[in-house]
Amino acid sequence: MKNNLEALNNYLFEAIERINDDELTDEELEREIKKSKQINQIAHTIIESGALALEAPKHFDDSGAERRVNNPSLGIGVNEYLEKAP
């Protein structure tokens, strides 16, 4: 699995498909539900991290700093933060 939001989204939909499998026994379904809950918690953390990464540029804008953000999971470029000259 690639480590980006598109892959995460695909993985979440795969988990939904596994839960919706009508051929699962009750035991298999329970196992998939437990796995899906764990996947959901991890996905939530990843999404919160991405949201924080999107907030960081706003902070730099508010402080008057020039910035280029590095967040490969969001497909955003090089990590450099430079203070603007007075």
Protein backbone atom coordinates (compact mmCIF):
# COMPACT_ATOMS: atom_id res chain seq x y z
CA MET A 1 0.00 0.00 0.00
CA LYS A 2 1.26 3.47 -0.85
CA ASN A 3 1.33 5.91 2.00
CA ASN A 4 -0.97 8.64 0.77
CA LEU A 5 -4.57 9.71 1.24
CA GLU A 6 -5.74 8.09 -2.00
CA ALA A 7 -4.39 4.71 -0.85
CA LEU A 8 -5.96 5.23 2.59
CA ASN A 9 -9.30 5.96 0.98
CA ASN A 10 -9.04 2.80 -1.15
CA TYR A 11 -8.11 0.74 1.91
CA LEU A 12 -11.12 2.06 3.84
CA PHE A 13 -13.45 1.09 1.00
CA GLU A 14 -11.85 -2.37 0.87
CA ALA A 15 -12.63 -2.77 4.58
CA ILE A 16 -16.26 -1.85 3.89
CA GLU A 17 -16.39 -4.42 1.08
CA ARG A 18 -15.01 -7.12 3.41
CA ILE A 19 -17.66 -6.33 6.03
CA ASN A 20 -20.40 -6.48 3.39
CA ASP A 21 -19.37 -9.96 2.24
CA ASP A 22 -22.53 -12.05 2.68
CA GLU A 23 -20.50 -15.26 2.74
CA LEU A 24 -18.73 -14.43 6.01
CA THR A 25 -19.55 -16.53 9.02
CA ASP A 26 -20.56 -14.71 12.19
CA GLU A 27 -17.06 -15.29 13.55
CA GLU A 28 -15.39 -13.96 10.38
CA LEU A 29 -17.71 -10.95 10.35
CA GLU A 30 -16.88 -10.17 13.98
CA ARG A 31 -13.17 -10.38 13.16
CA GLU A 32 -13.60 -8.03 10.19
CA ILE A 33 -15.58 -5.58 12.31
CA LYS A 34 -12.81 -5.54 14.93
CA LYS A 35 -10.20 -4.98 12.22
CA SER A 36 -12.31 -2.24 10.69
CA LYS A 37 -12.58 -0.44 14.02
CA GLN A 38 -8.80 -0.47 14.33
CA ILE A 39 -8.39 0.69 10.75
CA ASN A 40 -10.85 3.51 11.44
CA GLN A 41 -8.87 4.68 14.47
CA ILE A 42 -5.62 4.69 12.52
CA ALA A 43 -7.25 6.44 9.56
CA HIS A 44 -8.67 9.09 11.89
CA THR A 45 -5.18 9.78 13.25
CA ILE A 46 -3.75 10.03 9.73
CA ILE A 47 -6.50 12.43 8.69
CA GLU A 48 -5.96 14.58 11.79
CA SER A 49 -2.25 14.70 10.97
CA GLY A 50 -3.06 15.82 7.42
CA ALA A 51 -5.40 18.51 8.74
CA LEU A 52 -2.63 19.77 11.02
CA ALA A 53 -0.24 19.86 8.05
CA LEU A 54 -2.77 21.99 6.18
CA GLU A 55 -3.09 24.35 9.14
CA ALA A 56 0.67 24.93 9.36
CA PRO A 57 0.84 27.11 6.22
CA LYS A 58 -1.97 29.27 7.60
CA HIS A 59 0.16 29.89 10.69
CA PHE A 60 3.09 30.94 8.53
CA ASP A 61 0.83 33.20 6.46
CA ASP A 62 -0.49 34.84 9.63
CA SER A 63 3.03 35.35 10.98
CA GLY A 64 4.29 36.84 7.71
CA ALA A 65 6.77 34.07 6.98
CA GLU A 66 7.38 32.71 3.52
CA ARG A 67 6.87 28.99 3.37
CA ARG A 68 6.98 25.94 1.25
CA VAL A 69 5.32 22.99 2.94
CA ASN A 70 6.60 19.43 2.90
CA ASN A 71 3.88 16.82 3.24
CA PRO A 72 4.33 13.97 0.77
CA SER A 73 1.16 12.23 1.99
CA LEU A 74 -0.77 15.26 0.75
CA GLY A 75 1.40 15.62 -2.34
CA ILE A 76 2.90 18.92 -1.16
CA GLY A 77 6.50 19.86 -2.03
CA VAL A 78 9.76 20.87 -0.35
CA ASN A 79 10.16 21.67 3.34
CA GLU A 80 11.57 25.17 3.73
CA TYR A 81 10.45 27.91 6.08
CA LEU A 82 12.12 31.27 5.56
CA GLU A 83 11.41 34.44 7.49
CA LYS A 84 10.55 37.43 5.30
CA ALA A 85 13.06 40.26 5.35
CA PRO A 86 11.79 43.33 7.26
